[in-house]
Amino acid sequence: MRISVWAPSAKSVELVTAERRIPMHPPAAGDADALGTWRAEADDAVLAGGYRYSIDGGEPVPDPRSMWQPDGVHGASHRLDLARLPVPSFAAKPLRDAVIYEMHLGTFTPEGTCAAAEAKLQYLSELGVTHVELMPVATFPGRRGWGYDGVDLYAPFPAYGIPQQLVSFVQACHARDIGVLLDVVYNHLGPDGNYLGRYGPYFTDRYKTNWGAAINYDGPNSDPVRSFVIDNALMWLRDYGFDGLRLDAVHAIFSFDAVHVLEELAAAVKELGAKLGRSFVLIAESDLNDPRLVHAPSRGGYGLDAHWADDFHHAVHRFFTGETDGYYADFRGLEDVATALRQGYVYQGQYSSFRGRRHGRPPAGVGAHQIVVCAQNHDQIGNRAQGERLSMLLGVPQLKAIAALTVLSPFVPLLFQGEEWGAKTPFLYFTDHENAELGRLVAEGRAREFSSFRWQGAVPNPQELETFARSKLNWSELEEPPHAEIFEWYRQLIHLRHADRSRQDRRGRIKAAVNADSKARSLRFVHGDLLCAFNFATTPQRVRMPTGEWDLALRSDMKAAQLADEMPAQTTFVYMRRRKP
């Protein structure tokens, strides 16, 4: 078996196993295709116990493309015959029909494993979820964490189960007609167990990120770095069966050459899809309000399929909680909620007081199915001092209104695990760095990063086991009031969204009317065959119906769905257009 590793500046490279040190051969002179790649021959028996590489006689370290790190980020690397993993073909629902459920495998169940999560899939199917989005599973340090400090991008996190169990989870989702998206981090790597810099110029000091050294996408020797990242993306899709990727914080991916690395990635993913007869999606997380992310390369874009739009979350959160710290200071209330519903972006080039500059541009040419919105996600909950969910800040009427705004919006809705029943467990930031000094620095950095928010209480220590344990969902809540009521509301909203067969790309035809008077606050919007009416006031209000014939399908006070001249205080009504037989 031929084994290889890229180390362009090395004078010598050795393959190190428990029994042997095997010198590797440098690339042949003039072989441009193998520039910087060292090779050796080793049979399976030699590699069976694990291996590492020694660069220039230094301490042996894991393989950058290690497929399995059972002993963690500092342990030996293991090969895996991914071709033997049974990955069937599957066609996930298109994004315009999607309801995404964000899941952290370690806290979704008490066990925190792929196998335990697989046992909950019937529940998600009954809820109406079409896609599960897993927070990062690439191996990161310790036994617990969010996954955004991963360092072994090709190796699934061992605490969640062996690679075959991850494949089994994906297959079980597919068997229930649920697609699976994977959150991947290509803007930085974590510091603990990060040995890439010993091999070559994977990083650059020309740019900075908030989380660590930026990846070298456009400097000398950046072609192999790009291949390293793009090959990783293709591996998750091809070998593990994922249906798409969520690309973390693409605004921190710096690529200033003629072909942006995101454009190259999108082209490679489309080529793989054509080869396999599958349709993959790439969804960018970005706070730039930049439509170029989803525009085709022919019009100067990157060709991604969709992107997160934070303005919806910020406007909704600001209106319902009244919080004005940090970026919430940029949002004013119900009018911004209506703008987010109509246009996707609130900020389209106007001045942002939080940023101290203009922000965004108009979302021309962006379809509703290319915008993912949420009222809660791991960042917006976990980046609070106490990890509070909206269910810990608001009452049931407000939670139901927010659910209807999110699920029935014209965009692709994303729910965060437990949101659908108003979970009372927090979602805190937790880590397990073996280096105590690094753990201390992480805790201090968290406190500094969110100093612009004046929420009460100190940030819990991310390193403490209790911080992780408190973040696990309490599934017994589903049997208690008002959680069962909230769950049923979400379930009915999702099934109404699926039942609206007229739902196409109608972003330009969204009608949203607002009454922002302090005594008669209300909002009404129409999308497809659904009409949502919200009375946020403390007194009843008359329902003003648009033209057409409408049937009342749901009302948040849990009374029978029947027509009423007035909406009671703090209620949400959902109507469906009556279709002629």
Protein backbone atom coordinates (compact mmCIF):
# COMPACT_ATOMS: atom_id res chain seq x y z
CA MET A 1 0.00 0.00 0.00
CA ARG A 2 1.30 3.42 -0.91
CA ILE A 3 1.02 6.05 1.80
CA SER A 4 1.78 9.73 1.25
CA VAL A 5 1.88 13.06 3.04
CA TRP A 6 2.41 16.65 1.88
CA ALA A 7 5.40 18.32 3.58
CA PRO A 8 6.96 20.73 1.05
CA SER A 9 9.66 22.19 3.32
CA ALA A 10 10.76 18.98 5.01
CA LYS A 11 14.30 17.66 4.67
CA SER A 12 13.20 14.18 5.77
CA VAL A 13 9.95 12.42 6.65
CA GLU A 14 9.53 9.09 8.44
CA LEU A 15 6.47 6.91 8.81
CA VAL A 16 6.44 5.89 12.49
CA THR A 17 4.53 2.90 13.89
CA ALA A 18 4.77 1.13 17.23
CA GLU A 19 7.40 -1.21 15.77
CA ARG A 20 9.18 0.62 12.97
CA ARG A 21 10.40 3.91 11.51
CA ILE A 22 10.16 3.80 7.71
CA PRO A 23 11.96 6.51 5.70
CA MET A 24 9.72 8.13 3.11
CA HIS A 25 10.77 9.10 -0.39
CA PRO A 26 10.78 12.74 -1.45
CA PRO A 27 9.03 13.78 -4.66
CA ALA A 28 10.97 13.20 -7.82
CA ALA A 29 12.65 16.26 -9.32
CA GLY A 30 10.44 17.93 -11.89
CA ASP A 31 7.27 16.09 -10.80
CA ALA A 32 4.97 19.10 -10.52
CA ASP A 33 1.94 16.96 -9.68
CA ALA A 34 3.67 15.58 -6.58
CA LEU A 35 5.33 18.81 -5.46
CA GLY A 36 6.09 18.47 -1.76
CA THR A 37 4.52 15.01 -1.40
CA TRP A 38 6.49 12.27 0.37
CA ARG A 39 5.69 8.59 -0.20
CA ALA A 40 6.37 5.16 1.24
CA GLU A 41 5.16 1.60 0.83
CA ALA A 42 3.60 -0.09 3.86
CA ASP A 43 1.21 -3.01 4.12
CA ASP A 44 -1.92 -3.08 6.27
CA ALA A 45 -0.28 -5.19 8.99
CA VAL A 46 2.34 -2.50 9.58
CA LEU A 47 -0.29 0.24 9.90
CA ALA A 48 -2.86 -1.78 11.84
CA GLY A 49 -1.73 -0.51 15.25
CA GLY A 50 -1.72 3.13 14.18
CA TYR A 51 0.94 5.43 12.76
CA ARG A 52 2.35 8.94 12.86
CA TYR A 53 4.84 10.99 10.86
CA SER A 54 8.13 12.47 11.98
CA ILE A 55 9.20 15.64 10.15
CA ASP A 56 12.96 16.28 10.10
CA GLY A 57 13.48 13.92 13.03
CA GLY A 58 10.97 15.70 15.25
CA GLU A 59 8.39 14.20 17.58
CA PRO A 60 5.99 11.96 15.63
CA VAL A 61 2.58 13.60 15.11
CA PRO A 62 -0.75 12.48 13.59
CA ASP A 63 -1.48 12.38 9.87
CA PRO A 64 -3.19 15.59 8.60
CA ARG A 65 -5.59 13.36 6.66
CA SER A 66 -6.08 10.83 9.44
CA MET A 67 -9.38 9.01 8.96
CA TRP A 68 -9.73 7.89 12.57
CA GLN A 69 -8.25 9.13 15.87
CA PRO A 70 -9.64 6.71 18.49
CA ASP A 71 -7.21 7.99 21.13
CA GLY A 72 -7.85 11.68 20.48
CA VAL A 73 -6.06 14.51 18.73
CA HIS A 74 -2.62 13.56 20.12
CA GLY A 75 -2.97 9.82 19.48
CA ALA A 76 -1.94 7.62 16.60
CA SER A 77 -3.70 7.87 13.25
CA HIS A 78 -5.60 4.96 11.72
CA ARG A 79 -6.58 4.29 8.14
CA LEU A 80 -10.13 3.41 7.18
CA ASP A 81 -11.35 1.80 3.98
CA LEU A 82 -14.18 4.22 3.34
CA ALA A 83 -15.06 2.43 0.11
CA ARG A 84 -16.43 -0.38 2.27
CA LEU A 85 -18.84 1.87 4.12
CA PRO A 86 -22.32 1.21 2.66
CA VAL A 87 -23.62 4.58 1.49
CA PRO A 88 -26.82 4.26 -0.57
CA SER A 89 -28.05 6.90 -2.97
CA PHE A 90 -30.69 9.21 -1.56
CA ALA A 91 -32.52 12.30 -2.79
CA ALA A 92 -33.13 14.81 -0.03
CA LYS A 93 -35.99 17.28 -0.34
CA PRO A 94 -35.04 20.54 -2.04
CA LEU A 95 -34.35 23.52 0.21
CA ARG A 96 -37.62 25.26 -0.72
CA ASP A 97 -39.42 22.35 0.99
CA ALA A 98 -36.99 22.04 3.87
CA VAL A 99 -37.34 22.36 7.63
CA ILE A 100 -33.88 22.03 9.18
CA TYR A 101 -33.21 20.78 12.72
CA GLU A 102 -29.82 21.72 14.18
CA MET A 103 -28.43 19.01 16.47
CA HIS A 104 -25.42 18.70 18.76
CA LEU A 105 -24.82 14.97 19.07
CA GLY A 106 -23.24 15.22 22.52
CA THR A 107 -26.22 16.94 24.16
CA PHE A 108 -29.17 15.78 22.05
CA THR A 109 -29.47 12.61 24.15
CA PRO A 110 -28.21 11.58 27.61
CA GLU A 111 -25.75 9.17 25.97
CA GLY A 112 -24.48 11.74 23.48
CA THR A 113 -23.79 9.28 20.66
CA CYS A 114 -24.80 8.65 17.06
CA ALA A 115 -26.57 5.45 18.09
CA ALA A 116 -28.65 7.24 20.75
CA ALA A 117 -29.56 10.02 18.32
CA GLU A 118 -30.60 7.41 15.77
CA ALA A 119 -33.18 6.12 18.25
CA LYS A 120 -34.85 9.57 18.27
CA LEU A 121 -35.34 9.83 14.51
CA GLN A 122 -38.94 8.66 14.53
CA TYR A 123 -39.69 11.61 16.81
CA LEU A 124 -38.11 14.02 14.30
CA SER A 125 -40.01 12.40 11.45
CA GLU A 126 -43.32 12.89 13.27
CA LEU A 127 -42.38 16.51 13.97
CA GLY A 128 -42.03 17.04 10.22
CA VAL A 129 -38.29 17.73 10.01
CA THR A 130 -36.83 17.23 6.51
CA HIS A 131 -33.13 17.81 7.28
CA VAL A 132 -30.95 17.27 10.33
CA GLU A 133 -27.93 19.57 10.57
CA LEU A 134 -25.16 18.14 12.76
CA MET A 135 -22.82 20.50 14.52
CA PRO A 136 -19.18 19.67 13.64
CA VAL A 137 -18.07 16.06 14.10
CA ALA A 138 -14.44 16.40 12.94
CA THR A 139 -12.21 15.30 15.82
CA PHE A 140 -11.54 18.02 18.39
CA PRO A 141 -9.69 17.86 21.73
CA GLY A 142 -11.05 16.12 24.81
CA ARG A 143 -14.32 14.27 25.35
CA ARG A 144 -16.80 17.11 24.85
CA GLY A 145 -17.13 20.39 22.98
CA TRP A 146 -19.07 22.26 20.31
CA GLY A 147 -16.69 21.02 17.60
CA TYR A 148 -15.60 24.37 16.17
CA ASP A 149 -12.04 23.79 17.40
CA GLY A 150 -11.57 20.63 15.36
CA VAL A 151 -8.08 19.70 14.17
CA ASP A 152 -8.47 16.30 12.47
CA LEU A 153 -10.88 17.24 9.72
CA TYR A 154 -11.07 13.78 8.15
CA ALA A 155 -11.71 11.82 11.36
CA PRO A 156 -15.13 11.64 13.09
CA PHE A 157 -15.10 12.53 16.80
CA PRO A 158 -14.64 9.22 18.67
CA ALA A 159 -16.91 10.08 21.64
CA TYR A 160 -19.88 10.07 19.23
CA GLY A 161 -19.14 6.52 18.03
CA ILE A 162 -17.07 4.73 15.43
CA PRO A 163 -17.23 5.90 11.79
CA GLN A 164 -19.60 3.07 10.86
CA GLN A 165 -22.07 4.37 13.46
CA LEU A 166 -22.00 7.81 11.86
CA VAL A 167 -22.78 6.18 8.52
CA SER A 168 -25.57 4.21 10.20
CA PHE A 169 -27.05 7.44 11.56
CA VAL A 170 -27.05 9.01 8.10
CA GLN A 171 -28.64 5.89 6.61
CA ALA A 172 -31.31 5.80 9.32
CA CYS A 173 -32.17 9.42 8.55
CA HIS A 174 -32.46 8.57 4.87
CA ALA A 175 -34.74 5.63 5.66
CA ARG A 176 -37.13 8.16 7.23
CA ASP A 177 -36.80 10.55 4.27
CA ILE A 178 -34.66 12.96 6.29
CA GLY A 179 -31.61 14.53 4.69
CA VAL A 180 -28.46 15.16 6.72
CA LEU A 181 -26.30 18.27 6.61
CA LEU A 182 -22.91 18.57 8.31
CA ASP A 183 -21.44 21.72 9.82
CA VAL A 184 -17.81 22.06 8.68
CA VAL A 185 -15.21 24.62 9.73
CA TYR A 186 -12.86 25.79 7.00
CA ASN A 187 -11.92 29.23 8.34
CA HIS A 188 -9.57 28.10 11.14
CA LEU A 189 -8.53 25.08 13.20
CA GLY A 190 -8.38 24.76 16.96
CA PRO A 191 -5.07 25.18 18.81
CA ASP A 192 -5.04 21.94 20.82
CA GLY A 193 -3.69 19.06 18.70
CA ASN A 194 -3.21 21.26 15.66
CA TYR A 195 -0.07 19.90 13.99
CA LEU A 196 -0.73 21.09 10.44
CA GLY A 197 1.84 23.87 10.68
CA ARG A 198 4.60 21.30 11.14
CA TYR A 199 3.84 19.84 7.73
CA GLY A 200 3.56 22.92 5.57
CA PRO A 201 2.12 26.41 5.05
CA TYR A 202 -1.48 25.55 5.88
CA PHE A 203 -1.84 28.89 7.69
CA THR A 204 -1.03 32.51 6.95
CA ASP A 205 -0.28 35.59 9.02
CA ARG A 206 -1.56 37.91 6.27
CA TYR A 207 -5.07 37.73 7.74
CA LYS A 208 -6.51 37.21 11.21
CA THR A 209 -9.64 35.47 12.47
CA ASN A 210 -11.28 35.81 15.87
CA TRP A 211 -10.51 32.17 16.65
CA GLY A 212 -6.98 31.51 15.41
CA ALA A 213 -4.64 31.66 12.44
CA ALA A 214 -6.31 32.06 9.05
CA ILE A 215 -5.98 29.26 6.52
CA ASN A 216 -3.70 29.88 3.54
CA TYR A 217 -6.06 29.92 0.55
CA ASP A 218 -4.27 32.41 -1.69
CA GLY A 219 -0.57 32.53 -0.81
CA PRO A 220 2.43 30.46 -1.91
CA ASN A 221 1.77 26.71 -1.74
CA SER A 222 -1.96 27.34 -1.30
CA ASP A 223 -3.06 24.93 -4.06
CA PRO A 224 -2.46 21.81 -1.91
CA VAL A 225 -4.15 23.58 1.04
CA ARG A 226 -7.24 24.16 -1.08
CA SER A 227 -7.17 20.52 -2.17
CA PHE A 228 -6.90 19.46 1.47
CA VAL A 229 -10.10 21.32 2.34
CA ILE A 230 -12.07 20.51 -0.83
CA ASP A 231 -11.14 16.81 -0.62
CA ASN A 232 -12.43 16.85 2.95
CA ALA A 233 -15.77 18.29 1.88
CA LEU A 234 -16.11 15.70 -0.87
CA MET A 235 -15.27 12.89 1.56
CA TRP A 236 -18.19 13.71 3.88
CA LEU A 237 -20.60 13.81 0.94
CA ARG A 238 -19.27 10.83 -1.00
CA ASP A 239 -18.16 8.40 1.70
CA TYR A 240 -20.42 9.17 4.66
CA GLY A 241 -23.53 9.98 2.64
CA PHE A 242 -24.21 13.52 3.85
CA ASP A 243 -26.57 15.53 1.66
CA GLY A 244 -24.93 18.89 2.13
CA LEU A 245 -22.61 21.04 4.21
CA ARG A 246 -23.09 24.12 6.33
CA LEU A 247 -19.92 26.20 5.95
CA ASP A 248 -19.05 27.94 9.20
CA ALA A 249 -18.31 31.69 9.21
CA VAL A 250 -17.34 32.11 5.57
CA HIS A 251 -16.71 35.82 6.20
CA ALA A 252 -13.50 34.59 7.91
CA ILE A 253 -12.39 32.62 4.84
CA PHE A 254 -9.89 34.91 3.13
CA SER A 255 -9.34 34.22 -0.56
CA PHE A 256 -8.41 37.18 -2.74
CA ASP A 257 -7.27 35.47 -5.91
CA ALA A 258 -9.28 35.32 -9.13
CA VAL A 259 -11.23 32.18 -8.17
CA HIS A 260 -12.42 32.27 -4.58
CA VAL A 261 -12.01 28.98 -2.73
CA LEU A 262 -15.77 28.89 -2.11
CA GLU A 263 -16.39 29.04 -5.85
CA GLU A 264 -13.89 26.23 -6.40
CA LEU A 265 -15.55 24.19 -3.65
CA ALA A 266 -19.01 24.72 -5.13
CA ALA A 267 -17.81 23.58 -8.55
CA ALA A 268 -16.19 20.45 -7.09
CA VAL A 269 -19.36 19.56 -5.17
CA LYS A 270 -21.52 20.00 -8.27
CA GLU A 271 -19.14 17.79 -10.24
CA LEU A 272 -19.34 15.09 -7.55
CA GLY A 273 -23.13 15.30 -7.55
CA ALA A 274 -23.26 14.85 -11.30
CA LYS A 275 -20.95 11.84 -11.05
CA LEU A 276 -23.01 10.17 -8.32
CA GLY A 277 -26.42 11.23 -9.57
CA ARG A 278 -27.11 13.13 -6.34
CA SER A 279 -27.93 16.74 -5.52
CA PHE A 280 -25.81 18.22 -2.73
CA VAL A 281 -26.26 21.63 -1.10
CA LEU A 282 -23.77 24.10 0.34
CA ILE A 283 -25.10 26.58 2.89
CA ALA A 284 -22.88 29.42 4.07
CA GLU A 285 -22.97 31.01 7.49
CA SER A 286 -22.21 34.67 6.97
CA ASP A 287 -23.06 37.96 8.64
CA LEU A 288 -22.21 40.05 5.58
CA ASN A 289 -25.70 40.26 4.00
CA ASP A 290 -23.95 39.59 0.70
CA PRO A 291 -26.03 38.05 -2.14
CA ARG A 292 -22.86 37.17 -4.05
CA LEU A 293 -22.58 34.06 -1.89
CA VAL A 294 -25.48 32.48 -3.78
CA HIS A 295 -25.14 34.23 -7.13
CA ALA A 296 -23.78 32.15 -9.97
CA PRO A 297 -20.10 32.65 -10.90
CA SER A 298 -21.29 34.02 -14.24
CA ARG A 299 -22.59 37.08 -12.38
CA GLY A 300 -19.67 37.41 -10.00
CA GLY A 301 -20.91 35.07 -7.27
CA TYR A 302 -19.60 31.94 -5.58
CA GLY A 303 -22.37 29.57 -6.63
CA LEU A 304 -23.40 28.37 -3.16
CA ASP A 305 -26.94 27.12 -2.68
CA ALA A 306 -28.07 29.15 0.34
CA HIS A 307 -26.85 31.29 3.21
CA TRP A 308 -27.88 32.15 6.73
CA ALA A 309 -29.43 35.60 7.22
CA ASP A 310 -28.97 36.83 10.79
CA ASP A 311 -31.19 39.91 10.43
CA PHE A 312 -34.35 37.82 10.84
CA HIS A 313 -33.09 36.45 14.15
CA HIS A 314 -31.88 39.83 15.40
CA ALA A 315 -35.13 41.62 14.52
CA VAL A 316 -37.30 38.95 16.13
CA HIS A 317 -35.14 38.73 19.25
CA ARG A 318 -35.02 42.51 19.66
CA PHE A 319 -38.80 42.90 19.32
CA PHE A 320 -39.80 40.11 21.69
CA THR A 321 -37.13 40.45 24.40
CA GLY A 322 -36.51 44.20 24.24
CA GLU A 323 -32.76 43.59 24.50
CA THR A 324 -30.59 46.28 22.93
CA ASP A 325 -27.08 45.14 23.83
CA GLY A 326 -24.50 44.39 21.14
CA TYR A 327 -25.87 43.95 17.62
CA TYR A 328 -29.48 44.14 18.86
CA ALA A 329 -28.94 47.92 19.12
CA ASP A 330 -29.20 48.05 15.32
CA PHE A 331 -32.81 46.82 15.34
CA ARG A 332 -35.85 48.85 16.26
CA GLY A 333 -38.88 46.63 16.54
CA LEU A 334 -41.83 45.26 14.63
CA GLU A 335 -41.11 47.16 11.41
CA ASP A 336 -37.76 45.38 11.14
CA VAL A 337 -39.48 42.02 11.61
CA ALA A 338 -41.76 42.88 8.68
CA THR A 339 -38.78 44.02 6.58
CA ALA A 340 -36.97 40.76 7.29
CA LEU A 341 -40.07 38.81 6.19
CA ARG A 342 -40.45 40.80 2.98
CA GLN A 343 -36.82 41.06 1.90
CA GLY A 344 -34.62 38.67 3.90
CA TYR A 345 -32.12 41.38 4.81
CA VAL A 346 -32.89 44.35 7.03
CA TYR A 347 -29.49 45.93 6.44
CA GLN A 348 -28.96 46.54 2.73
CA GLY A 349 -26.23 49.16 2.78
CA GLN A 350 -27.46 51.54 5.46
CA TYR A 351 -25.39 52.66 8.44
CA SER A 352 -25.00 50.17 11.32
CA SER A 353 -24.33 51.81 14.67
CA PHE A 354 -23.05 48.53 16.09
CA ARG A 355 -20.45 48.18 13.33
CA GLY A 356 -19.82 51.90 12.95
CA ARG A 357 -20.14 51.64 9.15
CA ARG A 358 -22.52 50.78 6.35
CA HIS A 359 -23.56 47.15 6.23
CA GLY A 360 -24.96 44.79 3.58
CA ARG A 361 -26.40 45.30 0.12
CA PRO A 362 -29.84 44.64 -1.44
CA PRO A 363 -30.59 40.92 -1.93
CA ALA A 364 -31.27 41.26 -5.65
CA GLY A 365 -31.64 37.91 -7.35
CA VAL A 366 -31.74 35.94 -4.08
CA GLY A 367 -34.59 33.44 -3.80
CA ALA A 368 -36.42 32.70 -0.57
CA HIS A 369 -35.09 29.13 -0.69
CA GLN A 370 -31.56 30.56 -0.63
CA ILE A 371 -32.02 32.18 2.80
CA VAL A 372 -31.97 30.16 6.02
CA VAL A 373 -33.53 31.84 9.05
CA CYS A 374 -33.97 30.94 12.68
CA ALA A 375 -35.17 32.35 15.98
CA GLN A 376 -32.62 30.29 17.92
CA ASN A 377 -29.39 28.45 17.11
CA HIS A 378 -26.29 27.22 18.93
CA ASP A 379 -24.51 30.58 18.59
CA GLN A 380 -27.35 32.83 19.64
CA ILE A 381 -28.10 30.71 22.71
CA GLY A 382 -24.61 29.54 23.64
CA ASN A 383 -23.09 32.99 23.28
CA ARG A 384 -25.18 34.33 26.14
CA ALA A 385 -23.70 34.42 29.63
CA GLN A 386 -26.11 31.77 30.92
CA GLY A 387 -26.97 30.04 27.65
CA GLU A 388 -30.64 31.01 27.93
CA ARG A 389 -33.11 29.86 25.33
CA LEU A 390 -36.08 32.04 24.41
CA SER A 391 -38.22 29.64 26.47
CA MET A 392 -36.32 30.88 29.53
CA LEU A 393 -37.02 34.53 28.68
CA LEU A 394 -40.56 34.61 27.25
CA GLY A 395 -44.03 33.24 27.86
CA VAL A 396 -45.93 30.65 25.83
CA PRO A 397 -47.90 33.17 23.69
CA GLN A 398 -44.66 34.83 22.58
CA LEU A 399 -42.97 31.49 21.89
CA LYS A 400 -45.89 30.43 19.71
CA ALA A 401 -45.79 33.69 17.76
CA ILE A 402 -42.05 33.30 17.17
CA ALA A 403 -42.59 29.70 16.03
CA ALA A 404 -45.17 30.81 13.46
CA LEU A 405 -42.93 33.65 12.22
CA THR A 406 -40.04 31.24 11.73
CA VAL A 407 -41.71 28.09 10.44
CA LEU A 408 -44.16 29.85 8.12
CA SER A 409 -41.77 32.51 6.88
CA PRO A 410 -41.03 32.47 3.14
CA PHE A 411 -37.49 31.29 3.89
CA VAL A 412 -35.91 28.00 4.94
CA PRO A 413 -36.59 27.61 8.68
CA LEU A 414 -34.02 26.18 11.06
CA LEU A 415 -34.88 24.97 14.57
CA PHE A 416 -32.38 24.32 17.34
CA GLN A 417 -32.75 21.07 19.28
CA GLY A 418 -35.37 21.36 22.03
CA GLU A 419 -36.81 24.61 20.67
CA GLU A 420 -39.84 22.69 19.47
CA TRP A 421 -40.99 21.97 23.02
CA GLY A 422 -39.68 25.09 24.76
CA ALA A 423 -36.85 23.25 26.51
CA LYS A 424 -35.72 24.79 29.80
CA THR A 425 -32.19 23.39 29.67
CA PRO A 426 -29.56 25.98 28.67
CA PHE A 427 -27.06 25.46 25.90
CA LEU A 428 -23.73 26.66 27.24
CA TYR A 429 -20.27 26.82 25.72
CA PHE A 430 -18.24 23.81 26.89
CA THR A 431 -14.75 22.48 26.19
CA ASP A 432 -12.40 19.78 27.45
CA HIS A 433 -8.89 21.03 26.72
CA GLU A 434 -6.27 18.83 28.37
CA ASN A 435 -3.96 21.83 28.66
CA ALA A 436 -5.09 23.71 31.78
CA GLU A 437 -3.53 26.97 30.61
CA LEU A 438 -5.40 26.79 27.32
CA GLY A 439 -8.62 26.09 29.21
CA ARG A 440 -8.05 29.19 31.34
CA LEU A 441 -7.38 31.34 28.28
CA VAL A 442 -10.55 30.06 26.59
CA ALA A 443 -12.66 31.00 29.62
CA GLU A 444 -11.11 34.46 29.78
CA GLY A 445 -11.52 34.95 26.04
CA ARG A 446 -15.22 34.11 26.23
CA ALA A 447 -15.73 36.76 28.88
CA ARG A 448 -13.95 39.38 26.76
CA GLU A 449 -15.68 38.44 23.52
CA PHE A 450 -19.16 39.08 24.92
CA SER A 451 -18.31 42.06 27.10
CA SER A 452 -20.61 44.28 24.98
CA PHE A 453 -23.57 42.30 26.31
CA ARG A 454 -24.60 43.21 29.86
CA TRP A 455 -26.49 40.04 30.77
CA GLN A 456 -26.44 39.16 34.43
CA GLY A 457 -24.12 36.52 35.79
CA ALA A 458 -20.64 35.31 35.05
CA VAL A 459 -19.97 33.05 32.08
CA PRO A 460 -19.83 29.43 33.37
CA ASN A 461 -16.40 27.85 33.08
CA PRO A 462 -16.40 25.99 29.74
CA GLN A 463 -13.94 23.42 31.11
CA GLU A 464 -16.16 22.18 33.94
CA LEU A 465 -18.05 18.95 33.34
CA GLU A 466 -21.17 20.47 34.90
CA THR A 467 -21.31 23.10 32.14
CA PHE A 468 -21.61 20.30 29.59
CA ALA A 469 -24.03 18.23 31.68
CA ARG A 470 -26.41 21.18 32.17
CA SER A 471 -26.63 21.57 28.38
CA LYS A 472 -28.07 18.11 27.73
CA LEU A 473 -31.73 18.03 26.72
CA ASN A 474 -34.20 16.82 29.32
CA TRP A 475 -36.55 14.68 27.28
CA SER A 476 -38.90 14.13 30.23
CA GLU A 477 -40.05 17.74 29.77
CA LEU A 478 -42.13 16.58 26.83
CA GLU A 479 -44.52 14.95 29.29
CA GLU A 480 -45.01 18.17 31.27
CA PRO A 481 -47.04 21.33 30.62
CA PRO A 482 -46.59 23.56 28.74
CA HIS A 483 -43.97 21.64 26.73
CA ALA A 484 -46.39 19.17 25.13
CA GLU A 485 -48.58 22.10 24.04
CA ILE A 486 -45.63 23.93 22.48
CA PHE A 487 -44.48 20.76 20.71
CA GLU A 488 -47.94 20.21 19.23
CA TRP A 489 -48.00 23.83 18.02
CA TYR A 490 -44.66 23.38 16.25
CA ARG A 491 -45.75 20.07 14.77
CA GLN A 492 -48.94 21.56 13.35
CA LEU A 493 -47.11 24.61 11.97
CA ILE A 494 -44.56 22.41 10.18
CA HIS A 495 -47.27 20.21 8.71
CA LEU A 496 -49.17 23.31 7.54
CA ARG A 497 -46.00 24.51 5.82
CA HIS A 498 -45.66 21.15 4.06
CA ALA A 499 -49.36 21.21 3.10
CA ASP A 500 -49.01 24.56 1.31
CA ARG A 501 -48.39 23.19 -2.16
CA SER A 502 -48.50 26.68 -3.67
CA ARG A 503 -45.24 27.56 -1.88
CA GLN A 504 -42.70 28.45 -4.52
CA ASP A 505 -40.09 31.15 -4.65
CA ARG A 506 -42.45 34.00 -3.72
CA ARG A 507 -40.13 36.31 -1.80
CA GLY A 508 -40.93 39.22 -4.08
CA ARG A 509 -44.67 38.70 -3.46
CA ILE A 510 -44.64 38.64 0.33
CA LYS A 511 -47.20 40.99 1.79
CA ALA A 512 -46.59 42.07 5.38
CA ALA A 513 -48.67 44.73 7.13
CA VAL A 514 -47.73 46.20 10.53
CA ASN A 515 -49.52 48.24 13.16
CA ALA A 516 -46.79 49.37 15.50
CA ASP A 517 -49.04 51.51 17.70
CA SER A 518 -48.17 50.85 21.36
CA LYS A 519 -51.78 49.88 22.13
CA ALA A 520 -52.58 47.92 18.98
CA ARG A 521 -49.41 46.16 17.92
CA SER A 522 -50.11 43.62 15.20
CA LEU A 523 -48.52 41.99 12.19
CA ARG A 524 -50.00 40.15 9.26
CA PHE A 525 -48.22 38.47 6.39
CA VAL A 526 -49.30 36.36 3.44
CA HIS A 527 -47.08 33.82 1.73
CA GLY A 528 -48.35 31.21 -0.69
CA ASP A 529 -51.70 29.97 0.55
CA LEU A 530 -51.00 30.83 4.18
CA LEU A 531 -51.97 33.96 6.09
CA CYS A 532 -50.49 34.59 9.54
CA ALA A 533 -52.02 37.18 11.85
CA PHE A 534 -50.42 38.22 15.13
CA ASN A 535 -51.97 40.29 17.92
CA PHE A 536 -49.15 41.37 20.22
CA ALA A 537 -51.36 43.79 22.17
CA THR A 538 -52.88 43.20 25.60
CA THR A 539 -56.40 43.82 24.25
CA PRO A 540 -58.43 42.03 21.53
CA GLN A 541 -58.16 43.25 17.93
CA ARG A 542 -60.31 42.79 14.88
CA VAL A 543 -58.99 40.54 12.14
CA ARG A 544 -58.48 42.39 8.86
CA MET A 545 -58.64 39.81 6.11
CA PRO A 546 -57.20 40.29 2.62
CA THR A 547 -59.26 39.46 -0.42
CA GLY A 548 -60.06 35.82 -1.03
CA GLU A 549 -61.66 33.06 0.97
CA TRP A 550 -59.73 31.86 4.00
CA ASP A 551 -60.20 29.05 6.51
CA LEU A 552 -58.80 29.35 10.02
CA ALA A 553 -56.38 26.43 10.39
CA LEU A 554 -54.68 27.14 13.74
CA ARG A 555 -54.98 29.50 16.67
CA SER A 556 -52.42 29.71 19.43
CA ASP A 557 -54.88 29.80 22.33
CA MET A 558 -55.59 26.13 21.49
CA LYS A 559 -59.30 26.73 20.94
CA ALA A 560 -61.03 25.02 18.06
CA ALA A 561 -59.97 26.42 14.70
CA GLN A 562 -63.04 28.45 13.94
CA LEU A 563 -63.53 31.89 12.46
CA ALA A 564 -63.64 34.80 14.89
CA ASP A 565 -64.27 38.50 14.40
CA GLU A 566 -61.64 39.35 16.98
CA MET A 567 -58.27 37.97 17.92
CA PRO A 568 -57.83 37.69 21.70
CA ALA A 569 -54.84 39.44 23.25
CA GLN A 570 -51.43 37.86 22.64
CA THR A 571 -52.62 35.33 20.08
CA THR A 572 -51.56 34.03 16.68
CA PHE A 573 -54.00 32.90 13.99
CA VAL A 574 -52.99 30.95 10.88
CA TYR A 575 -55.35 30.78 7.88
CA MET A 576 -55.20 28.70 4.71
CA ARG A 577 -56.61 29.95 1.44
CA ARG A 578 -59.67 28.03 0.34
CA ARG A 579 -59.05 26.37 -3.01
CA LYS A 580 -61.83 25.77 -5.47
CA PRO A 581 -62.53 22.06 -6.06
